[in-house]
Amino acid sequence: MEKYEYKNIKTGEIVEDFMAEDYVLEKLGITIEPKGKNGEMTQEQIENIEETVEWFFSGNWIKEEVKED
């Protein structure tokens, strides 16, 4: 399984891919309340979160594959 991280080209900060969603939502001050049945996220919410993460990291960030030794 491939692992990725995002590296800020200005600050050197690194965010691992599994933390990216939480990192972005926290940085943007976004709280999401699941609106699906049984307290789950709707497909639309999931897609919006994915697009927001992609947008956030499209600026001063580089997505790099993490090499496992």
PDB file of N, CA and C in Angstrom:
ATOM      1  N   MET A   1       0.838  -1.178   0.000  1.00  0.00           N
ATOM      2  CA  MET A   1       0.000   0.000   0.000  1.00  0.00           C
ATOM      3  C   MET A   1       0.886   1.245   0.000  1.00  0.00           C
ATOM      4  N   GLU A   2       0.608   2.155  -0.900  1.00  0.00           N
ATOM      5  CA  GLU A   2       1.399   3.365  -1.000  1.00  0.00           C
ATOM      6  C   GLU A   2       0.988   4.358   0.069  1.00  0.00           C
ATOM      7  N   LYS A   3       1.979   5.024   0.644  1.00  0.00           N
ATOM      8  CA  LYS A   3       1.728   6.054   1.637  1.00  0.00           C
ATOM      9  C   LYS A   3       2.233   7.374   1.079  1.00  0.00           C
ATOM     10  N   TYR A   4       1.499   8.431   1.408  1.00  0.00           N
ATOM     11  CA  TYR A   4       1.871   9.752   0.938  1.00  0.00           C
ATOM     12  C   TYR A   4       1.943  10.715   2.102  1.00  0.00           C
ATOM     13  N   GLU A   5       2.635  11.818   1.868  1.00  0.00           N
ATOM     14  CA  GLU A   5       2.648  12.915   2.801  1.00  0.00           C
ATOM     15  C   GLU A   5       2.640  14.204   1.995  1.00  0.00           C
ATOM     16  N   TYR A   6       2.165  15.241   2.626  1.00  0.00           N
ATOM     17  CA  TYR A   6       2.152  16.558   2.009  1.00  0.00           C
ATOM     18  C   TYR A   6       3.201  17.404   2.713  1.00  0.00           C
ATOM     19  N   LYS A   7       4.034  18.075   1.934  1.00  0.00           N
ATOM     20  CA  LYS A   7       5.097  18.901   2.510  1.00  0.00           C
ATOM     21  C   LYS A   7       4.904  20.340   2.042  1.00  0.00           C
ATOM     22  N   ASN A   8       4.852  21.256   3.017  1.00  0.00           N
ATOM     23  CA  ASN A   8       4.713  22.675   2.713  1.00  0.00           C
ATOM     24  C   ASN A   8       6.061  23.183   2.216  1.00  0.00           C
ATOM     25  N   ILE A   9       6.083  23.738   1.002  1.00  0.00           N
ATOM     26  CA  ILE A   9       7.347  24.161   0.401  1.00  0.00           C
ATOM     27  C   ILE A   9       7.915  25.432   1.037  1.00  0.00           C
ATOM     28  N   LYS A  10       7.101  26.153   1.783  1.00  0.00           N
ATOM     29  CA  LYS A  10       7.592  27.360   2.442  1.00  0.00           C
ATOM     30  C   LYS A  10       8.049  27.101   3.872  1.00  0.00           C
ATOM     31  N   THR A  11       7.331  26.261   4.597  1.00  0.00           N
ATOM     32  CA  THR A  11       7.642  26.064   6.020  1.00  0.00           C
ATOM     33  C   THR A  11       8.314  24.730   6.318  1.00  0.00           C
ATOM     34  N   GLY A  12       8.213  23.771   5.386  1.00  0.00           N
ATOM     35  CA  GLY A  12       8.768  22.445   5.617  1.00  0.00           C
ATOM     36  C   GLY A  12       7.851  21.544   6.431  1.00  0.00           C
ATOM     37  N   GLU A  13       6.686  22.063   6.840  1.00  0.00           N
ATOM     38  CA  GLU A  13       5.732  21.266   7.620  1.00  0.00           C
ATOM     39  C   GLU A  13       5.278  20.052   6.812  1.00  0.00           C
ATOM     40  N   ILE A  14       5.123  18.931   7.483  1.00  0.00           N
ATOM     41  CA  ILE A  14       4.699  17.691   6.820  1.00  0.00           C
ATOM     42  C   ILE A  14       3.410  17.191   7.456  1.00  0.00           C
ATOM     43  N   VAL A  15       2.465  16.802   6.590  1.00  0.00           N
ATOM     44  CA  VAL A  15       1.200  16.210   7.031  1.00  0.00           C
ATOM     45  C   VAL A  15       1.081  14.854   6.344  1.00  0.00           C
ATOM     46  N   GLU A  16       0.962  13.800   7.132  1.00  0.00           N
ATOM     47  CA  GLU A  16       0.800  12.467   6.560  1.00  0.00           C
ATOM     48  C   GLU A  16      -0.596  12.326   5.979  1.00  0.00           C
ATOM     49  N   ASP A  17      -0.713  11.502   4.927  1.00  0.00           N
ATOM     50  CA  ASP A  17      -1.976  11.398   4.199  1.00  0.00           C
ATOM     51  C   ASP A  17      -3.153  10.999   5.083  1.00  0.00           C
ATOM     52  N   PHE A  18      -2.941  10.126   6.070  1.00  0.00           N
ATOM     53  CA  PHE A  18      -4.056   9.683   6.896  1.00  0.00           C
ATOM     54  C   PHE A  18      -4.556  10.789   7.832  1.00  0.00           C
ATOM     55  N   MET A  19      -3.754  11.843   8.019  1.00  0.00           N
ATOM     56  CA  MET A  19      -4.142  12.972   8.865  1.00  0.00           C
ATOM     57  C   MET A  19      -4.631  14.173   8.058  1.00  0.00           C
ATOM     58  N   ALA A  20      -4.545  14.097   6.747  1.00  0.00           N
ATOM     59  CA  ALA A  20      -4.820  15.249   5.892  1.00  0.00           C
ATOM     60  C   ALA A  20      -6.229  15.814   6.079  1.00  0.00           C
ATOM     61  N   GLU A  21      -7.231  14.951   6.112  1.00  0.00           N
ATOM     62  CA  GLU A  21      -8.611  15.422   6.242  1.00  0.00           C
ATOM     63  C   GLU A  21      -8.811  16.193   7.543  1.00  0.00           C
ATOM     64  N   ASP A  22      -8.409  15.611   8.660  1.00  0.00           N
ATOM     65  CA  ASP A  22      -8.564  16.273   9.953  1.00  0.00           C
ATOM     66  C   ASP A  22      -7.759  17.572  10.012  1.00  0.00           C
ATOM     67  N   TYR A  23      -6.562  17.545   9.457  1.00  0.00           N
ATOM     68  CA  TYR A  23      -5.697  18.723   9.451  1.00  0.00           C
ATOM     69  C   TYR A  23      -6.367  19.884   8.723  1.00  0.00           C
ATOM     70  N   VAL A  24      -6.872  19.610   7.526  1.00  0.00           N
ATOM     71  CA  VAL A  24      -7.482  20.657   6.703  1.00  0.00           C
ATOM     72  C   VAL A  24      -8.731  21.216   7.373  1.00  0.00           C
ATOM     73  N   LEU A  25      -9.611  20.336   7.838  1.00  0.00           N
ATOM     74  CA  LEU A  25     -10.841  20.798   8.464  1.00  0.00           C
ATOM     75  C   LEU A  25     -10.545  21.650   9.694  1.00  0.00           C
ATOM     76  N   GLU A  26      -9.541  21.254  10.480  1.00  0.00           N
ATOM     77  CA  GLU A  26      -9.169  22.028  11.664  1.00  0.00           C
ATOM     78  C   GLU A  26      -8.600  23.383  11.273  1.00  0.00           C
ATOM     79  N   LYS A  27      -7.695  23.393  10.286  1.00  0.00           N
ATOM     80  CA  LYS A  27      -7.081  24.651   9.846  1.00  0.00           C
ATOM     81  C   LYS A  27      -8.117  25.634   9.312  1.00  0.00           C
ATOM     82  N   LEU A  28      -9.136  25.110   8.631  1.00  0.00           N
ATOM     83  CA  LEU A  28     -10.173  25.961   8.059  1.00  0.00           C
ATOM     84  C   LEU A  28     -11.302  26.245   9.043  1.00  0.00           C
ATOM     85  N   GLY A  29     -11.271  25.620  10.215  1.00  0.00           N
ATOM     86  CA  GLY A  29     -12.305  25.841  11.218  1.00  0.00           C
ATOM     87  C   GLY A  29     -13.646  25.260  10.826  1.00  0.00           C
ATOM     88  N   ILE A  30     -13.617  24.141  10.113  1.00  0.00           N
ATOM     89  CA  ILE A  30     -14.845  23.510   9.635  1.00  0.00           C
ATOM     90  C   ILE A  30     -15.208  22.329  10.524  1.00  0.00           C
ATOM     91  N   THR A  31     -16.444  22.334  10.991  1.00  0.00           N
ATOM     92  CA  THR A  31     -16.984  21.209  11.742  1.00  0.00           C
ATOM     93  C   THR A  31     -18.099  20.610  10.899  1.00  0.00           C
ATOM     94  N   ILE A  32     -18.081  19.302  10.740  1.00  0.00           N
ATOM     95  CA  ILE A  32     -19.075  18.648   9.895  1.00  0.00           C
ATOM     96  C   ILE A  32     -19.938  17.722  10.728  1.00  0.00           C
ATOM     97  N   GLU A  33     -21.215  17.922  10.603  1.00  0.00           N
ATOM     98  CA  GLU A  33     -22.176  17.060  11.282  1.00  0.00           C
ATOM     99  C   GLU A  33     -22.736  16.088  10.250  1.00  0.00           C
ATOM    100  N   PRO A  34     -22.513  14.792  10.432  1.00  0.00           N
ATOM    101  CA  PRO A  34     -23.029  13.812   9.465  1.00  0.00           C
ATOM    102  C   PRO A  34     -24.541  13.945   9.293  1.00  0.00           C
ATOM    103  N   LYS A  35     -24.988  13.922   8.045  1.00  0.00           N
ATOM    104  CA  LYS A  35     -26.398  14.107   7.749  1.00  0.00           C
ATOM    105  C   LYS A  35     -27.053  12.868   7.162  1.00  0.00           C
ATOM    106  N   GLY A  36     -26.313  11.777   7.105  1.00  0.00           N
ATOM    107  CA  GLY A  36     -26.860  10.547   6.542  1.00  0.00           C
ATOM    108  C   GLY A  36     -27.600   9.733   7.581  1.00  0.00           C
ATOM    109  N   LYS A  37     -28.171   8.649   7.127  1.00  0.00           N
ATOM    110  CA  LYS A  37     -28.858   7.728   8.030  1.00  0.00           C
ATOM    111  C   LYS A  37     -27.842   7.141   9.008  1.00  0.00           C
ATOM    112  N   ASN A  38     -28.283   6.877  10.215  1.00  0.00           N
ATOM    113  CA  ASN A  38     -27.448   6.267  11.249  1.00  0.00           C
ATOM    114  C   ASN A  38     -26.208   7.098  11.583  1.00  0.00           C
ATOM    115  N   GLY A  39     -26.291   8.403  11.411  1.00  0.00           N
ATOM    116  CA  GLY A  39     -25.185   9.273  11.780  1.00  0.00           C
ATOM    117  C   GLY A  39     -23.965   9.161  10.898  1.00  0.00           C
ATOM    118  N   GLU A  40     -24.143   8.764   9.664  1.00  0.00           N
ATOM    119  CA  GLU A  40     -23.030   8.616   8.723  1.00  0.00           C
ATOM    120  C   GLU A  40     -22.960   9.830   7.800  1.00  0.00           C
ATOM    121  N   MET A  41     -21.809  10.014   7.217  1.00  0.00           N
ATOM    122  CA  MET A  41     -21.639  11.073   6.229  1.00  0.00           C
ATOM    123  C   MET A  41     -22.399  10.693   4.953  1.00  0.00           C
ATOM    124  N   THR A  42     -22.973  11.689   4.305  1.00  0.00           N
ATOM    125  CA  THR A  42     -23.606  11.428   3.012  1.00  0.00           C
ATOM    126  C   THR A  42     -22.521  11.397   1.941  1.00  0.00           C
ATOM    127  N   GLN A  43     -22.842  10.859   0.798  1.00  0.00           N
ATOM    128  CA  GLN A  43     -21.882  10.822  -0.313  1.00  0.00           C
ATOM    129  C   GLN A  43     -21.468  12.240  -0.693  1.00  0.00           C
ATOM    130  N   GLU A  44     -22.406  13.155  -0.668  1.00  0.00           N
ATOM    131  CA  GLU A  44     -22.113  14.550  -0.998  1.00  0.00           C
ATOM    132  C   GLU A  44     -21.136  15.157   0.008  1.00  0.00           C
ATOM    133  N   GLN A  45     -21.319  14.868   1.292  1.00  0.00           N
ATOM    134  CA  GLN A  45     -20.387  15.362   2.300  1.00  0.00           C
ATOM    135  C   GLN A  45     -18.987  14.798   2.079  1.00  0.00           C
ATOM    136  N   ILE A  46     -18.901  13.519   1.798  1.00  0.00           N
ATOM    137  CA  ILE A  46     -17.601  12.874   1.557  1.00  0.00           C
ATOM    138  C   ILE A  46     -16.905  13.512   0.362  1.00  0.00           C
ATOM    139  N   GLU A  47     -17.644  13.725  -0.719  1.00  0.00           N
ATOM    140  CA  GLU A  47     -17.068  14.340  -1.915  1.00  0.00           C
ATOM    141  C   GLU A  47     -16.617  15.772  -1.643  1.00  0.00           C
ATOM    142  N   ASN A  48     -17.408  16.528  -0.885  1.00  0.00           N
ATOM    143  CA  ASN A  48     -17.033  17.907  -0.554  1.00  0.00           C
ATOM    144  C   ASN A  48     -15.766  17.949   0.291  1.00  0.00           C
ATOM    145  N   ILE A  49     -15.634  17.035   1.232  1.00  0.00           N
ATOM    146  CA  ILE A  49     -14.432  16.980   2.062  1.00  0.00           C
ATOM    147  C   ILE A  49     -13.218  16.640   1.203  1.00  0.00           C
ATOM    148  N   GLU A  50     -13.354  15.652   0.324  1.00  0.00           N
ATOM    149  CA  GLU A  50     -12.246  15.261  -0.547  1.00  0.00           C
ATOM    150  C   GLU A  50     -11.804  16.427  -1.424  1.00  0.00           C
ATOM    151  N   GLU A  51     -12.763  17.170  -1.977  1.00  0.00           N
ATOM    152  CA  GLU A  51     -12.440  18.310  -2.827  1.00  0.00           C
ATOM    153  C   GLU A  51     -11.793  19.437  -2.029  1.00  0.00           C
ATOM    154  N   THR A  52     -12.227  19.632  -0.799  1.00  0.00           N
ATOM    155  CA  THR A  52     -11.641  20.660   0.060  1.00  0.00           C
ATOM    156  C   THR A  52     -10.195  20.321   0.393  1.00  0.00           C
ATOM    157  N   VAL A  53      -9.923  19.063   0.700  1.00  0.00           N
ATOM    158  CA  VAL A  53      -8.552  18.623   0.989  1.00  0.00           C
ATOM    159  C   VAL A  53      -7.670  18.822  -0.247  1.00  0.00           C
ATOM    160  N   GLU A  54      -8.179  18.431  -1.403  1.00  0.00           N
ATOM    161  CA  GLU A  54      -7.419  18.589  -2.641  1.00  0.00           C
ATOM    162  C   GLU A  54      -7.126  20.066  -2.895  1.00  0.00           C
ATOM    163  N   TRP A  55      -8.123  20.920  -2.707  1.00  0.00           N
ATOM    164  CA  TRP A  55      -7.937  22.356  -2.907  1.00  0.00           C
ATOM    165  C   TRP A  55      -6.899  22.917  -1.932  1.00  0.00           C
ATOM    166  N   PHE A  56      -7.009  22.558  -0.655  1.00  0.00           N
ATOM    167  CA  PHE A  56      -6.114  23.083   0.370  1.00  0.00           C
ATOM    168  C   PHE A  56      -4.658  22.774   0.037  1.00  0.00           C
ATOM    169  N   PHE A  57      -4.383  21.556  -0.354  1.00  0.00           N
ATOM    170  CA  PHE A  57      -3.009  21.134  -0.615  1.00  0.00           C
ATOM    171  C   PHE A  57      -2.523  21.477  -2.024  1.00  0.00           C
ATOM    172  N   SER A  58      -3.344  22.182  -2.805  1.00  0.00           N
ATOM    173  CA  SER A  58      -2.931  22.536  -4.168  1.00  0.00           C
ATOM    174  C   SER A  58      -2.066  23.797  -4.195  1.00  0.00           C
ATOM    175  N   GLY A  59      -1.946  24.486  -3.067  1.00  0.00           N
ATOM    176  CA  GLY A  59      -1.164  25.718  -3.013  1.00  0.00           C
ATOM    177  C   GLY A  59       0.306  25.464  -2.805  1.00  0.00           C
ATOM    178  N   ASN A  60       0.782  25.714  -1.608  1.00  0.00           N
ATOM    179  CA  ASN A  60       2.210  25.627  -1.286  1.00  0.00           C
ATOM    180  C   ASN A  60       2.624  24.251  -0.788  1.00  0.00           C
ATOM    181  N   TRP A  61       1.957  23.229  -1.225  1.00  0.00           N
ATOM    182  CA  TRP A  61       2.231  21.876  -0.745  1.00  0.00           C
ATOM    183  C   TRP A  61       2.629  20.961  -1.896  1.00  0.00           C
ATOM    184  N   ILE A  62       3.500  20.002  -1.590  1.00  0.00           N
ATOM    185  CA  ILE A  62       3.901  18.981  -2.552  1.00  0.00           C
ATOM    186  C   ILE A  62       3.483  17.631  -1.976  1.00  0.00           C
ATOM    187  N   LYS A  63       2.835  16.819  -2.791  1.00  0.00           N
ATOM    188  CA  LYS A  63       2.449  15.472  -2.368  1.00  0.00           C
ATOM    189  C   LYS A  63       3.586  14.527  -2.763  1.00  0.00           C
ATOM    190  N   GLU A  64       4.142  13.833  -1.765  1.00  0.00           N
ATOM    191  CA  GLU A  64       5.270  12.939  -2.003  1.00  0.00           C
ATOM    192  C   GLU A  64       4.952  11.554  -1.503  1.00  0.00           C
ATOM    193  N   GLU A  65       5.422  10.562  -2.219  1.00  0.00           N
ATOM    194  CA  GLU A  65       5.269   9.181  -1.764  1.00  0.00           C
ATOM    195  C   GLU A  65       6.315   8.894  -0.683  1.00  0.00           C
ATOM    196  N   VAL A  66       5.875   8.227   0.374  1.00  0.00           N
ATOM    197  CA  VAL A  66       6.781   7.869   1.459  1.00  0.00           C
ATOM    198  C   VAL A  66       7.364   6.500   1.138  1.00  0.00           C
ATOM    199  N   LYS A  67       8.673   6.433   1.122  1.00  0.00           N
ATOM    200  CA  LYS A  67       9.366   5.170   0.824  1.00  0.00           C
ATOM    201  C   LYS A  67       9.532   4.372   2.105  1.00  0.00           C
ATOM    202  N   GLU A  68       9.111   3.136   2.074  1.00  0.00           N
ATOM    203  CA  GLU A  68       9.278   2.246   3.224  1.00  0.00           C
ATOM    204  C   GLU A  68      10.607   1.535   3.105  1.00  0.00           C
ATOM    205  N   ASP A  69      11.360   1.485   4.179  1.00  0.00           N
ATOM    206  CA  ASP A  69      12.665   0.792   4.160  1.00  0.00           C
ATOM    207  C   ASP A  69      12.493  -0.684   4.414  1.00  0.00           C
TER     208      ASP A  69
END
